[in-house]
Amino acid sequence: MLHHVELWVPDLERAVTSWGWLLERLGWEPYQNWAAGRSWRRGETYVVLEQSPALTDTRHDRMRPGLNHLAFHVRSRAELDALVAEAPGHGWTLLFPDRHPYAGGAEHYAGYLEDGDGFEVELVAGAG
């Protein structure tokens, strides 16, 4: 099982606006809170956002070596559709809108979102 994922972000408050909303909508609970970071937990796994002073760039580039995206389960297609509709109000942009919700293939109902710092999430709908 995954222990945690830590994302270094250039603007903590902007990241909290987008990631906090998404993680809480997906059932994650606020876990830790300090001056330079926040985290959310689900079970034993947690996601950390940190604005580190050691950061060397101002935008994440998912096309470079490193993290491309994080993928999360969503209970249903209806829940995924609602998340995608609400996402722009929380700093997310729909990727591949011309192929949504089948950008991952005809049998893969998903939404691909990018936040203002270039991080991508894939929301994968369960059956139903």
C-alpha atoms as a PDB file:
ATOM      1  CA  MET A   1       0.000   0.000   0.000  1.00  0.00           C
ATOM      2  CA  LEU A   2       1.177   3.522  -0.749  1.00  0.00           C
ATOM      3  CA  HIS A   3       2.252   5.450   2.377  1.00  0.00           C
ATOM      4  CA  HIS A   4       2.155   9.032   1.052  1.00  0.00           C
ATOM      5  CA  VAL A   5       2.736  11.309  -1.916  1.00  0.00           C
ATOM      6  CA  GLU A   6       4.328  14.719  -1.437  1.00  0.00           C
ATOM      7  CA  LEU A   7       3.851  17.418  -4.055  1.00  0.00           C
ATOM      8  CA  TRP A   8       6.015  20.522  -3.934  1.00  0.00           C
ATOM      9  CA  VAL A   9       3.908  23.451  -5.084  1.00  0.00           C
ATOM     10  CA  PRO A  10       4.913  27.033  -5.924  1.00  0.00           C
ATOM     11  CA  ASP A  11       1.855  28.607  -4.256  1.00  0.00           C
ATOM     12  CA  LEU A  12       0.448  26.754  -1.254  1.00  0.00           C
ATOM     13  CA  GLU A  13      -2.824  28.657  -0.991  1.00  0.00           C
ATOM     14  CA  ARG A  14      -3.613  28.174  -4.695  1.00  0.00           C
ATOM     15  CA  ALA A  15      -2.811  24.461  -4.383  1.00  0.00           C
ATOM     16  CA  VAL A  16      -4.952  24.127  -1.251  1.00  0.00           C
ATOM     17  CA  THR A  17      -7.868  25.711  -3.122  1.00  0.00           C
ATOM     18  CA  SER A  18      -7.722  23.146  -5.931  1.00  0.00           C
ATOM     19  CA  TRP A  19      -6.319  20.029  -4.249  1.00  0.00           C
ATOM     20  CA  GLY A  20      -8.122  20.502  -0.941  1.00  0.00           C
ATOM     21  CA  TRP A  21     -11.471  20.742  -2.679  1.00  0.00           C
ATOM     22  CA  LEU A  22     -10.787  17.689  -4.852  1.00  0.00           C
ATOM     23  CA  LEU A  23      -9.376  15.480  -2.122  1.00  0.00           C
ATOM     24  CA  GLU A  24     -12.203  16.285   0.269  1.00  0.00           C
ATOM     25  CA  ARG A  25     -14.805  15.622  -2.452  1.00  0.00           C
ATOM     26  CA  LEU A  26     -13.122  12.233  -2.960  1.00  0.00           C
ATOM     27  CA  GLY A  27     -13.435  11.385   0.735  1.00  0.00           C
ATOM     28  CA  TRP A  28      -9.982  12.387   1.996  1.00  0.00           C
ATOM     29  CA  GLU A  29      -9.854  14.162   5.359  1.00  0.00           C
ATOM     30  CA  PRO A  30      -7.603  17.060   6.393  1.00  0.00           C
ATOM     31  CA  TYR A  31      -4.683  15.546   8.287  1.00  0.00           C
ATOM     32  CA  GLN A  32      -1.796  17.938   8.935  1.00  0.00           C
ATOM     33  CA  ASN A  33      -1.467  21.718   8.724  1.00  0.00           C
ATOM     34  CA  TRP A  34       1.726  23.783   9.083  1.00  0.00           C
ATOM     35  CA  ALA A  35       2.998  27.097   7.727  1.00  0.00           C
ATOM     36  CA  ALA A  36       4.457  25.633   4.526  1.00  0.00           C
ATOM     37  CA  GLY A  37       2.132  22.686   3.978  1.00  0.00           C
ATOM     38  CA  ARG A  38      -1.103  20.770   4.293  1.00  0.00           C
ATOM     39  CA  SER A  39      -2.011  17.107   4.021  1.00  0.00           C
ATOM     40  CA  TRP A  40      -5.113  14.973   3.555  1.00  0.00           C
ATOM     41  CA  ARG A  41      -5.507  11.354   4.601  1.00  0.00           C
ATOM     42  CA  ARG A  42      -7.591   8.428   3.486  1.00  0.00           C
ATOM     43  CA  GLY A  43      -6.978   5.272   5.443  1.00  0.00           C
ATOM     44  CA  GLU A  44      -3.248   4.916   5.995  1.00  0.00           C
ATOM     45  CA  THR A  45      -2.298   6.916   2.882  1.00  0.00           C
ATOM     46  CA  TYR A  46      -1.887  10.667   2.767  1.00  0.00           C
ATOM     47  CA  VAL A  47      -1.178  13.384   0.201  1.00  0.00           C
ATOM     48  CA  VAL A  48       1.035  16.325   1.137  1.00  0.00           C
ATOM     49  CA  LEU A  49       1.205  19.764  -0.490  1.00  0.00           C
ATOM     50  CA  GLU A  50       4.295  21.720   0.496  1.00  0.00           C
ATOM     51  CA  GLN A  51       5.672  25.070  -0.594  1.00  0.00           C
ATOM     52  CA  SER A  52       9.325  24.281   0.019  1.00  0.00           C
ATOM     53  CA  PRO A  53      12.018  26.978   0.030  1.00  0.00           C
ATOM     54  CA  ALA A  54      14.163  24.479  -1.900  1.00  0.00           C
ATOM     55  CA  LEU A  55      11.784  24.570  -4.918  1.00  0.00           C
ATOM     56  CA  THR A  56      13.706  25.326  -8.131  1.00  0.00           C
ATOM     57  CA  ASP A  57      10.867  26.148 -10.555  1.00  0.00           C
ATOM     58  CA  THR A  58       7.442  27.770 -10.531  1.00  0.00           C
ATOM     59  CA  ARG A  59       5.463  25.221 -12.553  1.00  0.00           C
ATOM     60  CA  HIS A  60       5.237  21.434 -12.695  1.00  0.00           C
ATOM     61  CA  ASP A  61       5.872  19.932 -16.146  1.00  0.00           C
ATOM     62  CA  ARG A  62       4.252  16.511 -16.368  1.00  0.00           C
ATOM     63  CA  MET A  63       6.014  15.887 -19.696  1.00  0.00           C
ATOM     64  CA  ARG A  64       9.451  15.881 -18.050  1.00  0.00           C
ATOM     65  CA  PRO A  65      10.879  12.938 -16.111  1.00  0.00           C
ATOM     66  CA  GLY A  66       9.056  12.513 -12.830  1.00  0.00           C
ATOM     67  CA  LEU A  67       5.402  12.494 -11.904  1.00  0.00           C
ATOM     68  CA  ASN A  68       3.007  12.554 -14.859  1.00  0.00           C
ATOM     69  CA  HIS A  69      -0.250  12.365 -12.911  1.00  0.00           C
ATOM     70  CA  LEU A  70      -2.100  10.891  -9.960  1.00  0.00           C
ATOM     71  CA  ALA A  71      -5.174   8.747 -10.643  1.00  0.00           C
ATOM     72  CA  PHE A  72      -8.078   8.435  -8.218  1.00  0.00           C
ATOM     73  CA  HIS A  73     -11.097   6.152  -8.114  1.00  0.00           C
ATOM     74  CA  VAL A  74     -14.502   7.834  -8.299  1.00  0.00           C
ATOM     75  CA  ARG A  75     -17.560   5.827  -7.251  1.00  0.00           C
ATOM     76  CA  SER A  76     -19.723   6.391 -10.311  1.00  0.00           C
ATOM     77  CA  ARG A  77     -20.014   8.100 -13.656  1.00  0.00           C
ATOM     78  CA  ALA A  78     -22.514  10.541 -12.168  1.00  0.00           C
ATOM     79  CA  GLU A  79     -20.037  11.515  -9.445  1.00  0.00           C
ATOM     80  CA  LEU A  80     -17.266  11.923 -12.010  1.00  0.00           C
ATOM     81  CA  ASP A  81     -19.495  14.107 -14.181  1.00  0.00           C
ATOM     82  CA  ALA A  82     -20.329  16.296 -11.162  1.00  0.00           C
ATOM     83  CA  LEU A  83     -16.649  16.646 -10.202  1.00  0.00           C
ATOM     84  CA  VAL A  84     -15.667  17.618 -13.738  1.00  0.00           C
ATOM     85  CA  ALA A  85     -18.473  20.192 -13.867  1.00  0.00           C
ATOM     86  CA  GLU A  86     -17.443  21.734 -10.520  1.00  0.00           C
ATOM     87  CA  ALA A  87     -13.674  21.566 -11.100  1.00  0.00           C
ATOM     88  CA  PRO A  88     -13.179  24.863 -13.007  1.00  0.00           C
ATOM     89  CA  GLY A  89     -14.563  26.767 -10.015  1.00  0.00           C
ATOM     90  CA  HIS A  90     -11.716  25.323  -7.946  1.00  0.00           C
ATOM     91  CA  GLY A  91      -8.789  25.991 -10.261  1.00  0.00           C
ATOM     92  CA  TRP A  92      -8.895  22.883 -12.478  1.00  0.00           C
ATOM     93  CA  THR A  93      -9.035  22.750 -16.287  1.00  0.00           C
ATOM     94  CA  LEU A  94     -10.412  19.778 -18.215  1.00  0.00           C
ATOM     95  CA  LEU A  95      -7.759  18.185 -20.414  1.00  0.00           C
ATOM     96  CA  PHE A  96      -8.698  16.555 -23.727  1.00  0.00           C
ATOM     97  CA  PRO A  97     -12.225  18.069 -23.752  1.00  0.00           C
ATOM     98  CA  ASP A  98     -12.827  16.896 -27.320  1.00  0.00           C
ATOM     99  CA  ARG A  99     -12.466  13.257 -26.162  1.00  0.00           C
ATOM    100  CA  HIS A 100     -13.974  13.522 -22.672  1.00  0.00           C
ATOM    101  CA  PRO A 101     -14.994  11.235 -20.949  1.00  0.00           C
ATOM    102  CA  TYR A 102     -13.325   8.605 -23.141  1.00  0.00           C
ATOM    103  CA  ALA A 103      -9.876  10.197 -23.585  1.00  0.00           C
ATOM    104  CA  GLY A 104      -8.358   7.026 -22.110  1.00  0.00           C
ATOM    105  CA  GLY A 105     -10.206   4.736 -24.534  1.00  0.00           C
ATOM    106  CA  ALA A 106     -13.717   3.554 -25.329  1.00  0.00           C
ATOM    107  CA  GLU A 107     -13.958   1.375 -22.198  1.00  0.00           C
ATOM    108  CA  HIS A 108     -12.368   3.873 -19.791  1.00  0.00           C
ATOM    109  CA  TYR A 109     -14.766   6.505 -18.370  1.00  0.00           C
ATOM    110  CA  ALA A 110     -12.516   9.140 -16.835  1.00  0.00           C
ATOM    111  CA  GLY A 111     -11.852  12.817 -16.444  1.00  0.00           C
ATOM    112  CA  TYR A 112      -8.400  14.338 -16.808  1.00  0.00           C
ATOM    113  CA  LEU A 113      -7.876  17.612 -14.958  1.00  0.00           C
ATOM    114  CA  GLU A 114      -4.919  19.991 -14.678  1.00  0.00           C
ATOM    115  CA  ASP A 115      -4.461  22.522 -11.893  1.00  0.00           C
ATOM    116  CA  GLY A 116      -2.972  26.009 -12.226  1.00  0.00           C
ATOM    117  CA  ASP A 117       0.523  24.704 -11.470  1.00  0.00           C
ATOM    118  CA  GLY A 118       0.530  21.991 -14.147  1.00  0.00           C
ATOM    119  CA  PHE A 119      -0.317  18.955 -11.991  1.00  0.00           C
ATOM    120  CA  GLU A 120      -2.648  16.433 -13.603  1.00  0.00           C
ATOM    121  CA  VAL A 121      -5.160  14.123 -11.981  1.00  0.00           C
ATOM    122  CA  GLU A 122      -7.103  11.348 -13.625  1.00  0.00           C
ATOM    123  CA  LEU A 123     -10.487  10.576 -12.112  1.00  0.00           C
ATOM    124  CA  VAL A 124     -11.598   7.058 -13.028  1.00  0.00           C
ATOM    125  CA  ALA A 125     -15.280   6.183 -12.663  1.00  0.00           C
ATOM    126  CA  GLY A 126     -16.432   2.880 -11.301  1.00  0.00           C
ATOM    127  CA  ALA A 127     -19.318   1.013 -12.888  1.00  0.00           C
ATOM    128  CA  GLY A 128     -22.713   2.569 -12.540  1.00  0.00           C
END
